[in-house]
Amino acid sequence: MKKFLALVLSLCLMMTALPIVSLAEGTYREPITLTVFSQLANFAGEQSGWFAKELKDRFNVTLNFVSTNVDSNAFNASVESGYMGDIINLGNTGGDLTTLLNAGLLFDWNDVDLTPYPNINEHLADAFATISGITEPQGFDGKYGFAFGAAMESGAWAELTDPTYALQIRFDAWEKAGKPALTSLEDLPEFLQALQDAVPANDAGEKVYAYGGFPEWEDCVMKFTWDLMTFYGYKEADFMGVNYATGEVVNPLEEGSLYYRALKVNNELYRRGLFDPESVSQTFDAYSQKLTAGRYLMTLWGWIINNYNSAEKAANKDGFVTFMFEDSAPQQLTISTGGGSDRMWALGADCVDVDRCLEIIEWLCTEEGLIVQTYGPQGLCWDYDENGIPCMTEFGWQCQEDKANTQMPDEFGGGTFQDGESKFNHETIKLEQMVPGKTYSYSYKGWPCYADRYATALSEAWSTEYAGGATSGIELYRNTGKVSVVPANTRAWPYPDMSDSAKEARALFAPQMKEGSWKCVMAETEEEFESTWASMVETCKNLGYDAYVAEKMEAINQCFADCGITPAQ
């Protein structure tokens, strides 16, 4: 009888398990590889490491990235082949989106039931509407994707602690240099000369440059010149600079423009030996490695400073902190439930498994998905404390502060943390905002452990000696009031596609503008700079630059009108 009962119990347990096994096999019967076409990823090839393992364990999926940042011909080649991949991340919702629509290469989300995807439904409705605002006027009535970085509530500032666009200066170098003042853009060479003289080499004995860059993200203007304009409130509208707070617009090739001034400053930095001469040929990865190694004393973005900053350095008052030109009013983005209209998520018309793609995107819209994608596996890199609030583990801090050298355990995918980071480089839900109904943000910058970790000798010295008591770059902006806030409604305003003639002209003058800008910066004399500038301007204008600018200004003025902004006189 005992043997009989044991057999019955065993059979019952087997029967109970069968539906679970069947469901798992039925859902993901076969492992698949999904192709991600991206204009934002800084990587091409198969996703590896810890994020690859997360995707494999959760969805039985491998991601293969095709990136225009790695292969500039990738977009045209994909269009010509008639296949864009499965998940599409566009960084151009103008001409490139129109090209894909005309070629029939995008999936219409109206063709699928989104009911099983509550986060897509709940959080992305306005972001879908933003993209429809671009596609419908062109005669396309489908639902072709959603705008990136959607907010839970419109109008909040886009960062919690470190502004996206912020002059970031090594505090240790500033202090060693005698705390020089920084009045305006034109003061930058003298200011950085003092800093580089104070810190001429890193701990490994390698030469330190005050500033450096890379051309990888450019197709027209030189980014490491253009982004200096953000400190005076300008946001990019293609290559034009728009200050949505004042209604002012910068035409880069106009005589005496802010872009011209910034090019001259960078040229002076180069001629003084302060601008890394390898910048013109190095990659983002090479730039990042130099930043991490302490070979740069200035950078332009708050999101990148933790490549160098660490708790150990901060204890010695060493690290990047936010500075401001005294005459500046930096751009400050706000967030919108409609997301940002200049980038989008889409699916390819020939997507091999729509459901699997939607499940991944749905997960990337959840609290867990956002945190895991950004900070690594739960339990290893971060976890919830006894109060249900996320906090980093000591290993997680190591991953964030030394990504390139922190080895992940084999059972979590192996390789370094940096090797395994998500290669999307693209947000579904805006990371730096509060989780609905919670006391913390998706970003670790809004977790109590972050404030505890970085309440350091560095932050205290910066607050006391420079920032007038502010505890973060964002608080410095708020306290000074010297800031150009970009209204949320402009973030989701859909800039119309340019005319065919304008796009043809841009294809001709853009490479001349990019090459000419770098040549201006690398000019050996002031006379060579002026000659190179004049030649670049003449060449671009002969290729249709002015007509393109005139058409773009019509769109900018329409944006001002629709968003309630008074143009500057």
Protein backbone atom coordinates (compact mmCIF):
# COMPACT_ATOMS: atom_id res chain seq x y z
CA MET A 1 0.00 0.00 0.00
CA LYS A 2 2.87 2.39 0.84
CA LYS A 3 4.48 1.71 -2.53
CA PHE A 4 1.14 2.22 -4.28
CA LEU A 5 0.50 5.56 -2.54
CA ALA A 6 4.02 6.70 -3.29
CA LEU A 7 3.48 5.89 -6.96
CA VAL A 8 0.16 7.78 -7.02
CA LEU A 9 1.76 10.80 -5.32
CA SER A 10 4.64 10.72 -7.77
CA LEU A 11 2.25 10.62 -10.75
CA CYS A 12 0.22 13.47 -9.29
CA LEU A 13 3.34 15.61 -8.92
CA MET A 14 4.38 14.83 -12.48
CA MET A 15 0.92 15.77 -13.79
CA THR A 16 0.98 19.00 -11.80
CA ALA A 17 4.32 19.94 -13.33
CA LEU A 18 3.34 19.16 -16.90
CA PRO A 19 1.29 22.29 -17.66
CA ILE A 20 4.13 24.50 -16.41
CA VAL A 21 6.69 22.81 -18.64
CA SER A 22 4.29 22.85 -21.55
CA LEU A 23 3.58 26.57 -21.09
CA ALA A 24 7.28 27.43 -20.97
CA GLU A 25 8.05 25.36 -24.06
CA GLY A 26 5.00 26.68 -25.88
CA THR A 27 5.90 30.27 -25.15
CA TYR A 28 9.56 30.00 -26.12
CA ARG A 29 9.72 26.76 -28.07
CA GLU A 30 12.86 27.79 -29.92
CA PRO A 31 15.69 30.15 -29.03
CA ILE A 32 15.79 33.05 -31.47
CA THR A 33 18.14 35.85 -32.46
CA LEU A 34 16.58 39.28 -32.89
CA THR A 35 18.27 41.98 -34.94
CA VAL A 36 18.31 45.46 -33.42
CA PHE A 37 18.88 48.23 -35.97
CA SER A 38 20.10 51.28 -34.07
CA GLN A 39 21.16 54.84 -34.73
CA LEU A 40 21.99 55.19 -31.02
CA ALA A 41 24.02 52.13 -30.05
CA ASN A 42 27.80 52.55 -29.93
CA PHE A 43 28.25 48.86 -30.64
CA ALA A 44 27.69 46.36 -33.44
CA GLY A 45 27.46 42.60 -33.08
CA GLU A 46 26.00 40.20 -30.56
CA GLN A 47 25.06 41.43 -27.10
CA SER A 48 27.23 39.56 -24.62
CA GLY A 49 27.79 39.29 -20.88
CA TRP A 50 25.35 39.80 -18.04
CA PHE A 51 22.62 41.57 -20.03
CA ALA A 52 22.75 38.86 -22.68
CA LYS A 53 22.22 36.29 -19.95
CA GLU A 54 19.26 38.25 -18.56
CA LEU A 55 17.63 38.23 -21.99
CA LYS A 56 18.42 34.56 -22.56
CA ASP A 57 17.05 33.48 -19.18
CA ARG A 58 13.91 35.60 -19.42
CA PHE A 59 13.03 35.43 -23.11
CA ASN A 60 15.32 32.83 -24.74
CA VAL A 61 16.53 35.64 -26.99
CA THR A 62 19.90 36.72 -28.35
CA LEU A 63 20.25 40.29 -29.65
CA ASN A 64 22.41 41.20 -32.62
CA PHE A 65 23.01 44.95 -33.10
CA VAL A 66 23.47 46.78 -36.39
CA SER A 67 24.64 50.34 -35.61
CA THR A 68 25.05 53.41 -37.78
CA ASN A 69 27.48 54.76 -35.18
CA VAL A 70 29.78 51.87 -36.07
CA ASP A 71 28.94 51.60 -39.79
CA SER A 72 27.83 54.86 -41.38
CA ASN A 73 26.45 52.94 -44.38
CA ALA A 74 24.23 50.69 -42.27
CA PHE A 75 21.02 52.68 -42.78
CA ASN A 76 21.23 52.87 -46.57
CA ALA A 77 22.36 49.26 -46.82
CA SER A 78 19.44 48.05 -44.69
CA VAL A 79 16.92 50.11 -46.66
CA GLU A 80 18.27 48.80 -49.96
CA SER A 81 18.07 45.23 -48.69
CA GLY A 82 14.44 45.74 -47.69
CA TYR A 83 15.08 44.50 -44.15
CA MET A 84 15.65 46.74 -41.12
CA GLY A 85 15.64 44.04 -38.46
CA ASP A 86 13.23 43.29 -35.63
CA ILE A 87 13.60 46.11 -33.09
CA ILE A 88 14.43 49.53 -34.56
CA ASN A 89 15.89 52.43 -32.55
CA LEU A 90 15.83 55.61 -34.63
CA GLY A 91 17.77 58.73 -33.70
CA ASN A 92 16.28 60.63 -36.64
CA THR A 93 12.50 60.99 -36.82
CA GLY A 94 12.75 63.29 -39.81
CA GLY A 95 14.01 62.09 -43.16
CA ASP A 96 15.06 58.62 -42.02
CA LEU A 97 11.63 57.87 -40.55
CA THR A 98 9.98 59.07 -43.77
CA THR A 99 12.28 56.85 -45.80
CA LEU A 100 11.28 53.79 -43.79
CA LEU A 101 7.58 54.66 -44.05
CA ASN A 102 7.74 55.12 -47.81
CA ALA A 103 9.62 51.83 -48.16
CA GLY A 104 7.06 49.98 -46.04
CA LEU A 105 9.75 48.80 -43.61
CA LEU A 106 7.96 49.54 -40.31
CA PHE A 107 5.48 47.34 -38.46
CA ASP A 108 2.04 48.82 -37.75
CA TRP A 109 1.33 48.29 -34.03
CA ASN A 110 -2.40 48.48 -34.78
CA ASP A 111 -2.02 44.95 -36.15
CA VAL A 112 -1.34 43.44 -32.73
CA ASP A 113 -3.34 43.21 -29.51
CA LEU A 114 -1.44 45.20 -26.86
CA THR A 115 -3.73 44.13 -24.01
CA PRO A 116 -1.15 41.66 -22.60
CA TYR A 117 1.35 44.50 -22.24
CA PRO A 118 0.01 46.76 -19.45
CA ASN A 119 3.11 48.97 -19.12
CA ILE A 120 3.21 49.71 -22.84
CA ASN A 121 -0.48 50.55 -22.70
CA GLU A 122 -0.34 52.60 -19.52
CA HIS A 123 2.88 54.55 -19.91
CA LEU A 124 3.39 55.00 -23.66
CA ALA A 125 0.03 56.19 -25.03
CA ASP A 126 1.21 59.81 -25.36
CA ALA A 127 4.59 58.67 -26.73
CA PHE A 128 2.80 56.77 -29.52
CA ALA A 129 0.75 59.91 -30.19
CA THR A 130 3.96 61.94 -30.53
CA ILE A 131 5.17 59.76 -33.38
CA SER A 132 1.72 59.69 -34.97
CA GLY A 133 1.94 63.49 -34.99
CA ILE A 134 4.91 63.08 -37.34
CA THR A 135 3.60 60.25 -39.53
CA GLU A 136 -0.09 61.19 -39.99
CA PRO A 137 0.57 64.54 -41.74
CA GLN A 138 2.60 62.52 -44.25
CA GLY A 139 -0.41 60.34 -45.02
CA PHE A 140 0.51 57.33 -42.87
CA ASP A 141 -2.37 56.44 -40.57
CA GLY A 142 -0.78 53.49 -38.80
CA LYS A 143 0.84 53.27 -35.37
CA TYR A 144 4.53 52.93 -36.18
CA GLY A 145 6.30 53.33 -32.84
CA PHE A 146 6.71 55.50 -29.77
CA ALA A 147 8.93 58.41 -28.74
CA PHE A 148 11.75 57.68 -26.29
CA GLY A 149 12.12 58.65 -22.63
CA ALA A 150 8.44 58.94 -21.71
CA ALA A 151 7.64 60.63 -18.39
CA MET A 152 5.02 59.68 -15.83
CA GLU A 153 4.18 63.37 -15.44
CA SER A 154 5.05 66.26 -17.78
CA GLY A 155 7.08 69.27 -16.72
CA ALA A 156 9.59 67.88 -14.21
CA TRP A 157 13.27 68.59 -14.74
CA ALA A 158 14.89 65.75 -16.63
CA GLU A 159 17.63 65.01 -14.06
CA LEU A 160 17.77 64.47 -10.33
CA THR A 161 21.37 65.43 -9.48
CA ASP A 162 23.72 65.82 -12.47
CA PRO A 163 22.46 67.88 -15.44
CA THR A 164 22.71 66.17 -18.82
CA TYR A 165 24.42 69.26 -20.23
CA ALA A 166 26.78 70.67 -17.65
CA LEU A 167 30.36 71.91 -17.68
CA GLN A 168 32.10 69.22 -15.63
CA ILE A 169 35.50 70.15 -14.19
CA ARG A 170 37.97 68.11 -12.14
CA PHE A 171 37.76 69.73 -8.70
CA ASP A 172 41.21 68.52 -7.64
CA ALA A 173 42.81 70.25 -10.63
CA TRP A 174 40.82 73.44 -10.00
CA GLU A 175 41.90 73.51 -6.36
CA LYS A 176 45.58 72.83 -7.20
CA ALA A 177 45.44 75.60 -9.82
CA GLY A 178 44.42 78.15 -7.19
CA LYS A 179 40.66 78.14 -7.90
CA PRO A 180 40.67 80.33 -11.03
CA ALA A 181 37.47 82.14 -12.06
CA LEU A 182 35.54 81.23 -15.21
CA THR A 183 33.62 84.24 -16.45
CA SER A 184 32.75 83.36 -20.04
CA LEU A 185 33.41 80.96 -22.92
CA GLU A 186 36.43 82.97 -24.04
CA ASP A 187 38.02 82.52 -20.59
CA LEU A 188 38.15 78.76 -21.08
CA PRO A 189 41.70 78.53 -22.57
CA GLU A 190 43.31 80.47 -19.72
CA PHE A 191 41.23 78.59 -17.13
CA LEU A 192 42.09 75.15 -18.55
CA GLN A 193 45.74 76.12 -19.00
CA ALA A 194 45.97 76.69 -15.25
CA LEU A 195 44.33 73.32 -14.57
CA GLN A 196 46.55 71.38 -16.98
CA ASP A 197 49.66 73.05 -15.57
CA ALA A 198 48.53 71.90 -12.12
CA VAL A 199 47.83 68.30 -13.26
CA PRO A 200 50.08 67.58 -16.26
CA ALA A 201 50.01 63.77 -15.91
CA ASN A 202 47.78 61.10 -14.41
CA ASP A 203 48.83 58.59 -11.74
CA ALA A 204 50.23 56.29 -14.45
CA GLY A 205 52.45 59.07 -15.81
CA GLU A 206 50.36 59.54 -18.98
CA LYS A 207 49.92 63.03 -20.43
CA VAL A 208 46.76 64.81 -19.33
CA TYR A 209 44.78 66.98 -21.75
CA ALA A 210 42.35 69.55 -20.48
CA TYR A 211 39.78 68.54 -23.10
CA GLY A 212 39.15 65.99 -25.82
CA GLY A 213 36.44 64.46 -27.95
CA PHE A 214 35.59 62.07 -30.78
CA PRO A 215 33.78 62.38 -34.14
CA GLU A 216 31.76 59.17 -33.89
CA TRP A 217 28.37 60.81 -33.16
CA GLU A 218 28.61 63.51 -35.80
CA ASP A 219 27.25 63.90 -39.30
CA CYS A 220 27.32 67.69 -39.67
CA VAL A 221 28.62 69.96 -36.91
CA MET A 222 31.43 69.08 -34.50
CA LYS A 223 29.70 67.89 -31.33
CA PHE A 224 32.48 68.89 -28.95
CA THR A 225 32.15 72.43 -30.24
CA TRP A 226 28.37 72.53 -30.64
CA ASP A 227 27.70 71.22 -27.12
CA LEU A 228 29.51 74.21 -25.61
CA MET A 229 26.48 76.16 -26.86
CA THR A 230 24.23 74.20 -24.48
CA PHE A 231 25.77 76.15 -21.59
CA TYR A 232 24.14 79.26 -23.06
CA GLY A 233 20.74 77.60 -23.27
CA TYR A 234 20.70 76.19 -26.80
CA LYS A 235 19.13 72.89 -27.78
CA GLU A 236 19.74 71.22 -31.12
CA ALA A 237 17.13 71.37 -33.87
CA ASP A 238 19.16 69.43 -36.42
CA PHE A 239 22.36 71.57 -36.42
CA MET A 240 20.56 74.80 -35.52
CA GLY A 241 20.66 76.03 -31.92
CA VAL A 242 17.32 76.93 -30.34
CA ASN A 243 16.90 78.59 -26.95
CA TYR A 244 13.29 77.78 -26.09
CA ALA A 245 13.48 79.95 -22.96
CA THR A 246 14.42 83.16 -24.81
CA GLY A 247 13.25 82.50 -28.37
CA GLU A 248 16.78 83.02 -29.71
CA VAL A 249 18.20 80.90 -32.55
CA VAL A 250 21.82 80.27 -33.56
CA ASN A 251 22.62 79.72 -37.22
CA PRO A 252 26.07 78.08 -36.87
CA LEU A 253 27.60 79.43 -40.10
CA GLU A 254 26.42 82.98 -39.53
CA GLU A 255 29.32 85.40 -39.12
CA GLY A 256 30.26 85.76 -35.44
CA SER A 257 27.81 83.06 -34.32
CA LEU A 258 28.16 81.28 -30.99
CA TYR A 259 29.29 78.20 -32.92
CA TYR A 260 32.06 80.26 -34.55
CA ARG A 261 33.10 81.57 -31.13
CA ALA A 262 33.21 78.03 -29.73
CA LEU A 263 35.29 76.81 -32.67
CA LYS A 264 37.78 79.64 -32.04
CA VAL A 265 38.01 78.69 -28.36
CA ASN A 266 38.64 75.04 -29.22
CA ASN A 267 41.27 76.06 -31.75
CA GLU A 268 43.06 78.09 -29.09
CA LEU A 269 42.90 75.05 -26.79
CA TYR A 270 44.45 72.95 -29.55
CA ARG A 271 47.22 75.44 -30.29
CA ARG A 272 48.05 75.62 -26.56
CA GLY A 273 48.31 71.81 -26.36
CA LEU A 274 45.18 71.56 -24.20
CA PHE A 275 42.95 69.73 -26.72
CA ASP A 276 43.76 66.07 -27.34
CA PRO A 277 45.04 65.85 -30.97
CA GLU A 278 43.85 62.22 -31.20
CA SER A 279 40.26 63.42 -30.81
CA VAL A 280 39.70 63.66 -34.56
CA SER A 281 40.27 59.93 -35.06
CA GLN A 282 39.42 58.24 -31.76
CA THR A 283 36.21 56.40 -30.87
CA PHE A 284 33.77 56.93 -28.01
CA ASP A 285 35.32 53.91 -26.30
CA ALA A 286 38.82 55.40 -26.56
CA TYR A 287 37.53 58.72 -25.23
CA SER A 288 35.79 56.95 -22.33
CA GLN A 289 38.94 55.02 -21.45
CA LYS A 290 40.98 58.24 -21.31
CA LEU A 291 38.32 59.90 -19.17
CA THR A 292 38.33 56.93 -16.79
CA ALA A 293 42.13 56.99 -16.66
CA GLY A 294 42.14 60.63 -15.58
CA ARG A 295 43.53 62.04 -18.83
CA TYR A 296 40.87 64.75 -19.25
CA LEU A 297 40.08 67.63 -16.89
CA MET A 298 36.84 68.77 -18.52
CA THR A 299 33.82 67.04 -20.01
CA LEU A 300 30.43 68.32 -21.12
CA TRP A 301 27.86 65.90 -19.71
CA GLY A 302 26.76 65.00 -16.23
CA TRP A 303 25.86 61.43 -17.18
CA ILE A 304 29.44 60.44 -18.00
CA ILE A 305 31.32 61.63 -14.91
CA ASN A 306 31.00 58.37 -12.99
CA ASN A 307 33.38 56.88 -15.56
CA TYR A 308 35.99 58.66 -13.44
CA ASN A 309 34.36 59.54 -10.12
CA SER A 310 34.46 57.04 -7.28
CA ALA A 311 34.01 57.05 -3.52
CA GLU A 312 37.73 56.43 -3.05
CA LYS A 313 38.70 59.44 -5.21
CA ALA A 314 35.98 61.58 -3.66
CA ALA A 315 37.50 61.03 -0.21
CA ASN A 316 40.55 62.89 -1.57
CA LYS A 317 38.45 65.67 -3.15
CA ASP A 318 39.21 64.23 -6.58
CA GLY A 319 36.46 64.07 -9.20
CA PHE A 320 34.28 65.90 -11.72
CA VAL A 321 31.79 68.47 -10.43
CA THR A 322 29.47 70.98 -12.11
CA PHE A 323 30.85 74.41 -13.00
CA MET A 324 29.22 77.34 -14.82
CA PHE A 325 30.42 80.25 -16.91
CA GLU A 326 29.38 83.31 -14.93
CA ASP A 327 27.54 84.70 -17.98
CA SER A 328 25.84 81.41 -18.86
CA ALA A 329 22.32 80.02 -18.48
CA PRO A 330 22.65 76.33 -19.35
CA GLN A 331 20.01 74.33 -21.16
CA GLN A 332 17.83 72.33 -18.77
CA LEU A 333 15.55 69.73 -20.27
CA THR A 334 12.15 68.87 -18.87
CA ILE A 335 10.32 65.62 -19.48
CA SER A 336 7.01 64.90 -21.16
CA THR A 337 4.53 62.03 -21.13
CA GLY A 338 4.89 62.29 -24.90
CA GLY A 339 8.61 61.52 -24.68
CA GLY A 340 11.19 63.14 -26.92
CA SER A 341 10.10 63.48 -30.54
CA ASP A 342 13.62 63.22 -31.97
CA ARG A 343 14.15 59.51 -31.16
CA MET A 344 11.83 56.53 -31.27
CA TRP A 345 11.29 52.80 -30.81
CA ALA A 346 9.78 50.80 -33.66
CA LEU A 347 9.53 47.24 -35.00
CA GLY A 348 10.53 46.06 -38.46
CA ALA A 349 7.82 45.15 -40.94
CA ASP A 350 9.39 41.69 -41.28
CA CYS A 351 9.92 41.18 -37.54
CA VAL A 352 10.51 37.47 -36.96
CA ASP A 353 8.65 37.35 -33.61
CA VAL A 354 6.52 40.37 -32.71
CA ASP A 355 5.37 38.88 -29.41
CA ARG A 356 8.90 38.24 -28.22
CA CYS A 357 9.92 41.81 -29.13
CA LEU A 358 6.91 43.22 -27.31
CA GLU A 359 7.68 41.18 -24.21
CA ILE A 360 11.20 42.61 -24.11
CA ILE A 361 9.95 46.18 -24.58
CA GLU A 362 7.24 45.60 -21.94
CA TRP A 363 9.91 44.43 -19.49
CA LEU A 364 12.03 47.49 -20.30
CA CYS A 365 9.04 49.61 -19.24
CA THR A 366 8.83 48.02 -15.79
CA GLU A 367 10.63 49.09 -12.63
CA GLU A 368 12.56 45.83 -12.60
CA GLY A 369 13.49 46.03 -16.28
CA LEU A 370 14.66 49.64 -16.10
CA ILE A 371 16.80 49.01 -13.03
CA VAL A 372 18.27 45.69 -14.23
CA GLN A 373 19.11 47.08 -17.68
CA THR A 374 20.91 50.03 -16.13
CA TYR A 375 22.58 48.62 -13.01
CA GLY A 376 22.88 44.88 -13.48
CA PRO A 377 21.37 41.69 -12.04
CA GLN A 378 19.19 41.96 -8.96
CA GLY A 379 20.75 40.30 -5.92
CA LEU A 380 24.26 40.72 -7.31
CA CYS A 381 24.44 44.45 -8.10
CA TRP A 382 21.39 45.80 -6.28
CA ASP A 383 18.41 44.66 -4.26
CA TYR A 384 15.51 45.91 -2.16
CA ASP A 385 16.16 46.60 1.52
CA GLU A 386 13.87 45.70 4.43
CA ASN A 387 11.74 48.78 3.63
CA GLY A 388 11.30 47.82 -0.01
CA ILE A 389 13.65 50.54 -1.27
CA PRO A 390 16.32 49.61 -3.82
CA CYS A 391 19.96 49.95 -2.80
CA MET A 392 23.27 49.09 -4.43
CA THR A 393 25.43 46.27 -3.16
CA GLU A 394 29.12 46.93 -2.63
CA PHE A 395 29.77 44.90 -5.79
CA GLY A 396 27.19 47.05 -7.59
CA TRP A 397 29.04 50.22 -6.60
CA GLN A 398 32.22 48.66 -7.93
CA CYS A 399 30.44 47.95 -11.23
CA GLN A 400 29.30 51.56 -11.52
CA GLU A 401 32.61 53.11 -10.51
CA ASP A 402 34.95 50.82 -12.45
CA LYS A 403 32.86 49.33 -15.23
CA ALA A 404 35.75 48.47 -17.50
CA ASN A 405 37.67 46.43 -14.93
CA THR A 406 34.99 44.81 -12.77
CA GLN A 407 34.68 41.14 -13.66
CA MET A 408 31.22 39.59 -13.54
CA PRO A 409 30.86 36.06 -12.12
CA ASP A 410 30.64 33.36 -14.79
CA GLU A 411 27.14 32.39 -13.64
CA PHE A 412 26.06 35.96 -14.49
CA GLY A 413 27.54 35.96 -17.98
CA GLY A 414 31.22 36.61 -17.27
CA GLY A 415 33.32 39.37 -18.85
CA THR A 416 33.48 42.86 -17.41
CA PHE A 417 30.43 44.83 -16.36
CA GLN A 418 31.08 47.23 -19.25
CA ASP A 419 31.31 44.39 -21.77
CA GLY A 420 27.89 43.18 -20.69
CA GLU A 421 26.09 46.52 -20.43
CA SER A 422 22.88 46.85 -22.45
CA LYS A 423 23.85 48.09 -25.90
CA PHE A 424 20.48 49.76 -26.59
CA ASN A 425 21.66 53.18 -25.30
CA HIS A 426 18.00 54.18 -25.61
CA GLU A 427 15.28 54.73 -23.02
CA THR A 428 11.68 53.55 -23.10
CA ILE A 429 10.65 55.20 -19.83
CA LYS A 430 12.71 58.16 -18.60
CA LEU A 431 15.10 56.75 -15.98
CA GLU A 432 15.56 59.86 -13.85
CA GLN A 433 12.06 60.28 -12.47
CA MET A 434 10.14 59.02 -9.48
CA VAL A 435 8.48 55.61 -9.62
CA PRO A 436 4.70 56.19 -9.43
CA GLY A 437 3.48 55.74 -5.87
CA LYS A 438 7.00 55.21 -4.50
CA THR A 439 9.46 57.34 -2.54
CA TYR A 440 12.39 56.59 -4.88
CA SER A 441 13.29 56.97 -8.54
CA TYR A 442 14.15 54.45 -11.20
CA SER A 443 17.65 55.99 -11.24
CA TYR A 444 19.96 55.20 -8.35
CA LYS A 445 20.54 58.93 -8.04
CA GLY A 446 17.17 59.07 -6.30
CA TRP A 447 17.90 56.20 -3.90
CA PRO A 448 18.96 57.02 -0.32
CA CYS A 449 22.11 54.95 -0.75
CA TYR A 450 23.33 57.28 -3.51
CA ALA A 451 23.18 60.35 -1.28
CA ASP A 452 24.96 58.43 1.46
CA ARG A 453 27.66 57.17 -0.89
CA TYR A 454 28.49 60.57 -2.35
CA ALA A 455 28.23 62.72 0.77
CA THR A 456 32.00 62.97 0.60
CA ALA A 457 34.92 65.29 1.08
CA LEU A 458 34.60 66.14 -2.62
CA SER A 459 30.91 67.08 -2.50
CA GLU A 460 31.37 69.05 0.72
CA ALA A 461 34.39 70.96 -0.60
CA TRP A 462 32.63 71.76 -3.90
CA SER A 463 29.50 72.87 -2.06
CA THR A 464 31.45 75.14 0.29
CA GLU A 465 34.20 76.45 -1.98
CA TYR A 466 32.32 76.83 -5.26
CA ALA A 467 28.61 76.05 -5.24
CA GLY A 468 27.32 78.32 -2.48
CA GLY A 469 25.86 75.47 -0.47
CA ALA A 470 24.28 73.52 -3.35
CA THR A 471 24.54 69.76 -2.96
CA SER A 472 24.29 68.83 -6.66
CA GLY A 473 24.60 70.32 -10.13
CA ILE A 474 20.82 70.43 -10.47
CA GLU A 475 20.52 72.26 -7.15
CA LEU A 476 23.21 74.71 -8.29
CA TYR A 477 21.13 75.47 -11.39
CA ARG A 478 17.99 75.92 -9.29
CA ASN A 479 19.71 78.10 -6.67
CA THR A 480 21.38 80.44 -9.14
CA GLY A 481 18.34 80.71 -11.40
CA LYS A 482 20.82 80.90 -14.29
CA VAL A 483 19.16 78.26 -16.41
CA SER A 484 17.28 78.04 -19.72
CA VAL A 485 14.42 75.61 -19.12
CA VAL A 486 13.20 73.74 -22.21
CA PRO A 487 9.39 73.47 -21.85
CA ALA A 488 7.98 69.95 -21.90
CA ASN A 489 5.65 70.71 -24.82
CA THR A 490 8.63 71.48 -27.07
CA ARG A 491 10.19 68.09 -26.28
CA ALA A 492 7.25 66.30 -27.86
CA TRP A 493 6.64 68.81 -30.68
CA PRO A 494 7.07 66.89 -33.94
CA TYR A 495 9.41 68.75 -36.26
CA PRO A 496 8.19 68.13 -39.82
CA ASP A 497 10.25 66.33 -42.39
CA MET A 498 12.37 68.53 -44.66
CA SER A 499 11.65 68.82 -48.38
CA ASP A 500 13.47 66.55 -50.82
CA SER A 501 15.54 69.46 -52.13
CA ALA A 502 16.56 70.43 -48.60
CA LYS A 503 17.58 66.86 -47.79
CA GLU A 504 19.59 66.64 -51.00
CA ALA A 505 21.38 69.88 -50.10
CA ARG A 506 22.12 68.68 -46.55
CA ALA A 507 23.62 65.46 -47.87
CA LEU A 508 26.10 67.63 -49.78
CA PHE A 509 27.01 70.34 -47.25
CA ALA A 510 26.87 68.32 -43.99
CA PRO A 511 30.13 66.37 -44.55
CA GLN A 512 31.84 69.60 -45.62
CA MET A 513 30.63 71.28 -42.43
CA LYS A 514 31.84 68.45 -40.22
CA GLU A 515 35.25 68.18 -41.88
CA GLY A 516 35.67 71.95 -42.00
CA SER A 517 34.81 72.31 -38.31
CA TRP A 518 37.47 69.80 -37.29
CA LYS A 519 39.99 71.49 -39.58
CA CYS A 520 39.19 74.83 -37.94
CA VAL A 521 39.88 73.36 -34.50
CA MET A 522 43.12 71.73 -35.70
CA ALA A 523 44.41 74.86 -37.47
CA GLU A 524 48.01 75.69 -36.53
CA THR A 525 47.59 79.46 -36.66
CA GLU A 526 44.79 81.98 -36.25
CA GLU A 527 45.20 82.94 -39.90
CA GLU A 528 44.73 79.31 -40.95
CA PHE A 529 41.63 79.12 -38.75
CA GLU A 530 40.02 82.16 -40.41
CA SER A 531 40.88 80.92 -43.89
CA THR A 532 39.48 77.46 -43.16
CA TRP A 533 36.30 78.94 -41.68
CA ALA A 534 35.74 81.20 -44.69
CA SER A 535 36.31 78.32 -47.12
CA MET A 536 33.92 76.05 -45.21
CA VAL A 537 31.18 78.69 -45.11
CA GLU A 538 31.52 79.44 -48.82
CA THR A 539 31.48 75.75 -49.76
CA CYS A 540 28.41 74.98 -47.64
CA LYS A 541 26.49 78.00 -48.94
CA ASN A 542 27.26 77.03 -52.53
CA LEU A 543 25.77 73.59 -51.76
CA GLY A 544 22.42 74.96 -50.58
CA TYR A 545 23.03 75.68 -46.89
CA ASP A 546 21.07 78.95 -46.75
CA ALA A 547 17.96 77.48 -48.37
CA TYR A 548 18.04 74.61 -45.88
CA VAL A 549 18.33 77.02 -42.95
CA ALA A 550 15.42 79.10 -44.26
CA GLU A 551 13.18 76.01 -44.40
CA LYS A 552 14.29 74.87 -40.94
CA MET A 553 13.55 78.33 -39.54
CA GLU A 554 9.96 78.03 -40.77
CA ALA A 555 9.60 74.89 -38.66
CA ILE A 556 11.29 76.49 -35.63
CA ASN A 557 8.97 79.50 -35.81
CA GLN A 558 5.97 77.17 -36.08
CA CYS A 559 7.20 75.33 -32.98
CA PHE A 560 7.45 78.67 -31.15
CA ALA A 561 3.91 79.57 -32.21
CA ASP A 562 2.41 76.21 -31.23
CA CYS A 563 4.25 76.10 -27.89
CA GLY A 564 3.57 79.69 -26.84
CA ILE A 565 7.14 80.98 -27.20
CA THR A 566 7.86 84.53 -28.34
CA PRO A 567 10.71 84.65 -30.90
CA ALA A 568 13.59 87.00 -30.03
CA GLN A 569 13.73 90.15 -32.12
